[in-house]
Amino acid sequence: MPIDPSFEENREQVDEHEGHAVWGPVDEPEELGIHGTHVAVDFDICLADGACLEDCPVDVFEWVDSPGHPESELKADPANEDQCIDCMICVDVCPVDAIDVDAGRAGRI
């Protein structure tokens, strides 16, 4: 199941991580929620294949450890989401549709 593009309406912001919002539910290590707003990554379905890190022309993503998560122990964190240029490459290359980019959502500078 892909990331919910309406997560801002359907989830509550429960935390912040490296300067971006975290949308719940979060129950570590099994549930990690959605990280980011403008560039959002569903950590619960991210399988850390690295395509978004390799292909992003402005280095929005950084690896973050997620020990014990059932899908993968690394996640592509949108740590630099304010640098996003809305090219949508990350959305296109993600094999599990874990990424959603929407310039209209909060968090866009």
Protein backbone atom coordinates (compact mmCIF):
# COMPACT_ATOMS: atom_id res chain seq x y z
CA MET A 1 0.00 0.00 0.00
CA PRO A 2 1.55 3.36 -1.02
CA ILE A 3 1.98 6.43 1.17
CA ASP A 4 -1.27 8.21 1.98
CA PRO A 5 -1.14 11.52 0.04
CA SER A 6 -3.66 12.97 2.53
CA PHE A 7 -1.58 12.10 5.59
CA GLU A 8 -1.69 15.70 6.84
CA GLU A 9 -5.46 15.37 7.22
CA ASN A 10 -5.49 11.73 8.33
CA ARG A 11 -2.64 11.72 10.83
CA GLU A 12 -1.41 13.84 13.69
CA GLN A 13 2.03 15.38 13.91
CA VAL A 14 3.57 13.60 16.88
CA ASP A 15 7.20 14.67 16.80
CA GLU A 16 10.03 16.37 14.93
CA HIS A 17 13.16 14.75 13.60
CA GLU A 18 16.16 16.63 12.19
CA GLY A 19 14.01 19.71 11.56
CA HIS A 20 11.04 18.04 9.87
CA ALA A 21 7.67 16.80 11.08
CA VAL A 22 6.91 13.21 12.03
CA TRP A 23 3.32 12.10 11.48
CA GLY A 24 2.04 9.23 13.65
CA PRO A 25 1.29 6.75 14.74
CA VAL A 26 4.76 5.95 16.03
CA ASP A 27 5.47 2.90 18.15
CA GLU A 28 9.16 2.11 17.78
CA PRO A 29 10.64 -0.01 16.41
CA GLU A 30 7.66 -1.44 14.46
CA GLU A 31 5.84 1.79 13.54
CA LEU A 32 7.89 4.84 12.55
CA GLY A 33 5.27 7.02 10.85
CA ILE A 34 5.72 9.47 7.99
CA HIS A 35 8.72 11.79 8.03
CA GLY A 36 8.57 15.18 6.33
CA THR A 37 5.74 17.27 4.97
CA HIS A 38 6.64 18.81 1.61
CA VAL A 39 8.75 15.71 0.92
CA ALA A 40 7.11 12.92 2.87
CA VAL A 41 8.53 9.41 3.34
CA ASP A 42 6.46 6.65 4.90
CA PHE A 43 9.10 4.97 7.04
CA ASP A 44 6.82 1.98 7.57
CA ILE A 45 6.98 0.97 3.91
CA CYS A 46 10.42 2.34 2.94
CA LEU A 47 12.65 -0.63 2.14
CA ALA A 48 15.89 1.34 1.79
CA ASP A 49 16.80 0.45 -1.76
CA GLY A 50 18.54 3.84 -2.08
CA ALA A 51 17.14 4.95 -5.43
CA CYS A 52 15.90 8.27 -4.02
CA LEU A 53 19.30 9.03 -2.47
CA GLU A 54 21.12 8.19 -5.68
CA ASP A 55 18.81 10.06 -8.05
CA CYS A 56 17.86 13.21 -6.11
CA PRO A 57 19.69 16.10 -7.82
CA VAL A 58 19.69 18.29 -4.68
CA ASP A 59 20.43 15.69 -1.96
CA VAL A 60 17.16 15.91 -0.05
CA PHE A 61 17.63 12.47 1.53
CA GLU A 62 20.04 11.05 4.09
CA TRP A 63 20.22 7.57 5.56
CA VAL A 64 18.94 7.17 9.10
CA ASP A 65 19.15 4.01 11.20
CA SER A 66 15.93 2.24 12.14
CA PRO A 67 17.08 -0.83 14.09
CA GLY A 68 14.44 -3.47 14.59
CA HIS A 69 12.02 -2.18 11.96
CA PRO A 70 10.47 -5.16 10.16
CA GLU A 71 10.84 -3.69 6.64
CA SER A 72 14.43 -2.42 6.81
CA GLU A 73 16.95 -1.13 9.31
CA LEU A 74 17.73 1.98 7.25
CA LYS A 75 15.35 4.67 6.03
CA ALA A 76 15.63 7.47 3.48
CA ASP A 77 15.09 10.52 5.67
CA PRO A 78 14.04 13.80 3.97
CA ALA A 79 16.51 15.69 6.17
CA ASN A 80 16.96 18.45 3.59
CA GLU A 81 13.37 18.73 2.33
CA ASP A 82 13.69 22.52 2.12
CA GLN A 83 16.11 21.98 -0.82
CA CYS A 84 13.50 20.07 -2.87
CA ILE A 85 12.94 21.44 -6.39
CA ASP A 86 9.77 19.38 -7.04
CA CYS A 87 11.34 17.36 -9.85
CA MET A 88 9.48 14.23 -8.62
CA ILE A 89 12.35 11.90 -9.46
CA CYS A 90 12.24 10.37 -5.98
CA VAL A 91 8.54 9.64 -6.36
CA ASP A 92 9.13 8.02 -9.74
CA VAL A 93 12.03 5.78 -8.63
CA CYS A 94 10.66 4.55 -5.30
CA PRO A 95 9.72 0.90 -5.89
CA VAL A 96 7.17 0.81 -3.07
CA ASP A 97 5.63 4.29 -3.46
CA ALA A 98 6.84 5.35 -0.02
CA ILE A 99 7.48 8.99 -1.09
CA ASP A 100 5.04 11.81 -1.81
CA VAL A 101 6.06 15.33 -2.85
CA ASP A 102 3.53 18.14 -2.79
CA ALA A 103 4.64 21.76 -3.06
CA GLY A 104 1.25 22.87 -1.74
CA ARG A 105 1.69 21.24 1.66
CA ALA A 106 3.03 23.06 4.67
CA GLY A 107 6.77 23.04 5.03
CA ARG A 108 7.41 24.50 1.57
CA ILE A 109 9.71 27.50 1.72
